[in-house]
Amino acid sequence: MPRRDLTAAEAGILRIIQEGYGLQNTADEVFFTDTHEAVIFVKASDGSSRVMANLTNLATWRADGTIPSDEELKRDWLRL
């Protein structure tokens, strides 16, 4: 699947993931779907899989207010 650069908003979601789960969650771990959505399987520092995050959707929903705060994003969507 072709790669692309993350948008600023997608990179912002990835930074929140890194703050909560660790720097092992890098842009290199992101893959892109057939519809060019950026997705990552988030890993904890012990290597265990925590959650799959669609960075594209989360960034869009955060920007349009569907997810009204970073606190809700962290708690309800990223399980931080």
N, C-alpha and C. Protein backbone atom coordinates (compact mmCIF):
# COMPACT_ATOMS: atom_id res chain seq x y z
N MET A 1 0.85 -1.18 0.00
CA MET A 1 0.00 0.00 0.00
C MET A 1 0.89 1.24 0.00
N PRO A 2 0.61 2.20 -0.82
CA PRO A 2 1.42 3.41 -0.87
C PRO A 2 1.37 4.19 0.44
N ARG A 3 2.50 4.78 0.78
CA ARG A 3 2.59 5.61 1.98
C ARG A 3 2.40 7.07 1.59
N ARG A 4 2.04 7.86 2.56
CA ARG A 4 1.97 9.31 2.40
C ARG A 4 2.38 9.92 3.73
N ASP A 5 2.66 11.20 3.70
CA ASP A 5 2.94 11.90 4.95
C ASP A 5 1.65 12.03 5.74
N LEU A 6 1.78 11.99 7.06
CA LEU A 6 0.63 12.25 7.91
C LEU A 6 0.27 13.72 7.83
N THR A 7 -1.02 14.01 7.90
CA THR A 7 -1.44 15.40 7.99
C THR A 7 -1.02 15.92 9.37
N ALA A 8 -1.06 17.22 9.54
CA ALA A 8 -0.73 17.81 10.84
C ALA A 8 -1.67 17.29 11.92
N ALA A 9 -2.95 17.16 11.59
CA ALA A 9 -3.92 16.68 12.58
C ALA A 9 -3.68 15.21 12.93
N GLU A 10 -3.38 14.38 11.93
CA GLU A 10 -3.07 12.97 12.19
C GLU A 10 -1.81 12.85 13.04
N ALA A 11 -0.80 13.66 12.74
CA ALA A 11 0.44 13.65 13.52
C ALA A 11 0.16 14.08 14.96
N GLY A 12 -0.79 15.00 15.14
CA GLY A 12 -1.17 15.41 16.49
C GLY A 12 -1.79 14.28 17.29
N ILE A 13 -2.62 13.48 16.65
CA ILE A 13 -3.20 12.31 17.31
C ILE A 13 -2.10 11.32 17.66
N LEU A 14 -1.16 11.12 16.74
CA LEU A 14 -0.04 10.21 17.00
C LEU A 14 0.78 10.71 18.19
N ARG A 15 1.00 12.00 18.32
CA ARG A 15 1.73 12.55 19.48
C ARG A 15 1.00 12.24 20.79
N ILE A 16 -0.31 12.36 20.78
CA ILE A 16 -1.09 12.02 21.99
C ILE A 16 -0.90 10.54 22.33
N ILE A 17 -0.92 9.70 21.31
CA ILE A 17 -0.68 8.26 21.52
C ILE A 17 0.71 8.04 22.10
N GLN A 18 1.71 8.71 21.55
CA GLN A 18 3.08 8.56 22.05
C GLN A 18 3.20 9.02 23.49
N GLU A 19 2.54 10.12 23.83
CA GLU A 19 2.57 10.62 25.21
C GLU A 19 1.97 9.61 26.18
N GLY A 20 0.92 8.94 25.75
CA GLY A 20 0.22 8.00 26.63
C GLY A 20 0.77 6.59 26.63
N TYR A 21 1.22 6.12 25.47
CA TYR A 21 1.64 4.73 25.34
C TYR A 21 3.13 4.55 25.08
N GLY A 22 3.81 5.60 24.63
CA GLY A 22 5.25 5.50 24.43
C GLY A 22 5.68 5.77 23.00
N LEU A 23 6.96 6.08 22.89
CA LEU A 23 7.55 6.48 21.61
C LEU A 23 7.75 5.32 20.64
N GLN A 24 7.48 4.10 21.07
CA GLN A 24 7.55 2.96 20.15
C GLN A 24 6.46 3.04 19.08
N ASN A 25 5.48 3.87 19.30
CA ASN A 25 4.40 4.10 18.33
C ASN A 25 4.84 5.23 17.41
N THR A 26 5.50 4.87 16.33
CA THR A 26 6.08 5.86 15.42
C THR A 26 5.28 5.94 14.12
N ALA A 27 5.59 6.95 13.34
CA ALA A 27 4.96 7.09 12.03
C ALA A 27 5.30 5.90 11.14
N ASP A 28 6.43 5.25 11.38
CA ASP A 28 6.79 4.06 10.61
C ASP A 28 5.85 2.89 10.86
N GLU A 29 5.17 2.91 12.01
CA GLU A 29 4.22 1.85 12.37
C GLU A 29 2.83 2.08 11.75
N VAL A 30 2.63 3.25 11.20
CA VAL A 30 1.33 3.60 10.59
C VAL A 30 1.23 2.93 9.22
N PHE A 31 0.06 2.37 8.94
CA PHE A 31 -0.19 1.87 7.59
C PHE A 31 -1.39 2.61 7.02
N PHE A 32 -1.58 2.48 5.73
CA PHE A 32 -2.63 3.22 5.04
C PHE A 32 -3.58 2.25 4.37
N THR A 33 -4.86 2.49 4.56
CA THR A 33 -5.89 1.64 3.98
C THR A 33 -6.05 1.94 2.49
N ASP A 34 -6.86 1.16 1.83
CA ASP A 34 -7.15 1.39 0.41
C ASP A 34 -7.75 2.77 0.16
N THR A 35 -8.38 3.33 1.18
CA THR A 35 -8.98 4.65 1.04
C THR A 35 -8.06 5.75 1.62
N HIS A 36 -6.79 5.40 1.82
CA HIS A 36 -5.74 6.33 2.25
C HIS A 36 -5.90 6.83 3.68
N GLU A 37 -6.61 6.09 4.52
CA GLU A 37 -6.71 6.44 5.93
C GLU A 37 -5.49 5.92 6.67
N ALA A 38 -4.98 6.72 7.60
CA ALA A 38 -3.81 6.37 8.40
C ALA A 38 -4.27 5.61 9.65
N VAL A 39 -3.71 4.41 9.85
CA VAL A 39 -4.13 3.54 10.95
C VAL A 39 -2.89 3.01 11.65
N ILE A 40 -2.96 2.89 12.97
CA ILE A 40 -1.86 2.31 13.74
C ILE A 40 -2.42 1.34 14.77
N PHE A 41 -1.72 0.23 14.95
CA PHE A 41 -2.01 -0.68 16.05
C PHE A 41 -1.13 -0.22 17.21
N VAL A 42 -1.73 0.40 18.20
CA VAL A 42 -1.00 1.02 19.30
C VAL A 42 -0.47 -0.05 20.23
N LYS A 43 0.81 0.10 20.60
CA LYS A 43 1.46 -0.84 21.51
C LYS A 43 1.87 -0.13 22.78
N ALA A 44 1.71 -0.83 23.89
CA ALA A 44 2.19 -0.34 25.18
C ALA A 44 3.70 -0.54 25.23
N SER A 45 4.34 0.02 26.24
CA SER A 45 5.80 -0.09 26.36
C SER A 45 6.27 -1.53 26.53
N ASP A 46 5.39 -2.41 27.02
CA ASP A 46 5.77 -3.83 27.17
C ASP A 46 5.54 -4.62 25.88
N GLY A 47 5.12 -3.94 24.81
CA GLY A 47 4.92 -4.58 23.52
C GLY A 47 3.52 -5.12 23.29
N SER A 48 2.69 -5.08 24.32
CA SER A 48 1.33 -5.60 24.15
C SER A 48 0.49 -4.63 23.32
N SER A 49 -0.41 -5.20 22.56
CA SER A 49 -1.29 -4.40 21.71
C SER A 49 -2.41 -3.82 22.55
N ARG A 50 -2.68 -2.52 22.39
CA ARG A 50 -3.66 -1.84 23.20
C ARG A 50 -4.93 -1.48 22.46
N VAL A 51 -4.80 -0.91 21.30
CA VAL A 51 -5.96 -0.43 20.57
C VAL A 51 -5.53 -0.18 19.13
N MET A 52 -6.47 -0.28 18.22
CA MET A 52 -6.22 0.14 16.85
C MET A 52 -6.80 1.53 16.73
N ALA A 53 -6.01 2.46 16.21
CA ALA A 53 -6.46 3.84 16.09
C ALA A 53 -6.42 4.27 14.63
N ASN A 54 -7.56 4.71 14.14
CA ASN A 54 -7.63 5.28 12.81
C ASN A 54 -7.34 6.78 12.98
N LEU A 55 -6.10 7.16 12.71
CA LEU A 55 -5.67 8.54 12.93
C LEU A 55 -6.47 9.52 12.08
N THR A 56 -6.81 9.12 10.88
CA THR A 56 -7.57 9.99 9.98
C THR A 56 -8.94 10.31 10.57
N ASN A 57 -9.66 9.28 10.98
CA ASN A 57 -10.99 9.50 11.55
C ASN A 57 -10.92 10.28 12.85
N LEU A 58 -10.00 9.91 13.73
CA LEU A 58 -9.90 10.60 15.01
C LEU A 58 -9.57 12.08 14.82
N ALA A 59 -8.67 12.37 13.89
CA ALA A 59 -8.32 13.77 13.61
C ALA A 59 -9.52 14.54 13.07
N THR A 60 -10.27 13.92 12.17
CA THR A 60 -11.45 14.56 11.60
C THR A 60 -12.50 14.81 12.68
N TRP A 61 -12.76 13.80 13.49
CA TRP A 61 -13.79 13.94 14.53
C TRP A 61 -13.39 14.94 15.60
N ARG A 62 -12.10 15.02 15.89
CA ARG A 62 -11.63 16.01 16.87
C ARG A 62 -11.80 17.42 16.28
N ALA A 63 -11.48 17.58 15.01
CA ALA A 63 -11.57 18.89 14.36
C ALA A 63 -13.02 19.37 14.21
N ASP A 64 -13.94 18.43 13.92
CA ASP A 64 -15.32 18.88 13.68
C ASP A 64 -16.18 18.87 14.95
N GLY A 65 -15.58 18.51 16.08
CA GLY A 65 -16.29 18.57 17.35
C GLY A 65 -17.03 17.30 17.73
N THR A 66 -17.01 16.29 16.87
CA THR A 66 -17.63 15.01 17.23
C THR A 66 -16.99 14.47 18.51
N ILE A 67 -15.68 14.61 18.61
CA ILE A 67 -14.95 14.36 19.85
C ILE A 67 -14.61 15.75 20.39
N PRO A 68 -15.32 16.21 21.43
CA PRO A 68 -15.24 17.61 21.82
C PRO A 68 -13.97 18.03 22.57
N SER A 69 -13.20 17.09 23.10
CA SER A 69 -12.03 17.48 23.88
C SER A 69 -10.95 16.41 23.77
N ASP A 70 -9.71 16.84 24.03
CA ASP A 70 -8.61 15.88 24.08
C ASP A 70 -8.82 14.88 25.22
N GLU A 71 -9.42 15.34 26.29
CA GLU A 71 -9.67 14.44 27.43
C GLU A 71 -10.59 13.30 27.02
N GLU A 72 -11.66 13.62 26.27
CA GLU A 72 -12.56 12.57 25.79
C GLU A 72 -11.85 11.66 24.79
N LEU A 73 -11.07 12.24 23.92
CA LEU A 73 -10.29 11.46 22.96
C LEU A 73 -9.42 10.45 23.69
N LYS A 74 -8.69 10.92 24.68
CA LYS A 74 -7.80 10.04 25.44
C LYS A 74 -8.58 8.96 26.18
N ARG A 75 -9.62 9.35 26.88
CA ARG A 75 -10.37 8.42 27.73
C ARG A 75 -11.20 7.43 26.93
N ASP A 76 -12.02 7.95 26.01
CA ASP A 76 -13.02 7.11 25.38
C ASP A 76 -12.55 6.45 24.08
N TRP A 77 -11.59 7.06 23.40
CA TRP A 77 -11.18 6.56 22.10
C TRP A 77 -9.82 5.88 22.11
N LEU A 78 -8.92 6.36 22.99
CA LEU A 78 -7.58 5.80 23.03
C LEU A 78 -7.33 4.98 24.30
N ARG A 79 -8.29 4.97 25.21
CA ARG A 79 -8.22 4.19 26.44
C ARG A 79 -7.00 4.55 27.28
N LEU A 80 -6.72 5.83 27.38
CA LEU A 80 -5.59 6.29 28.19
C LEU A 80 -6.07 6.66 29.58
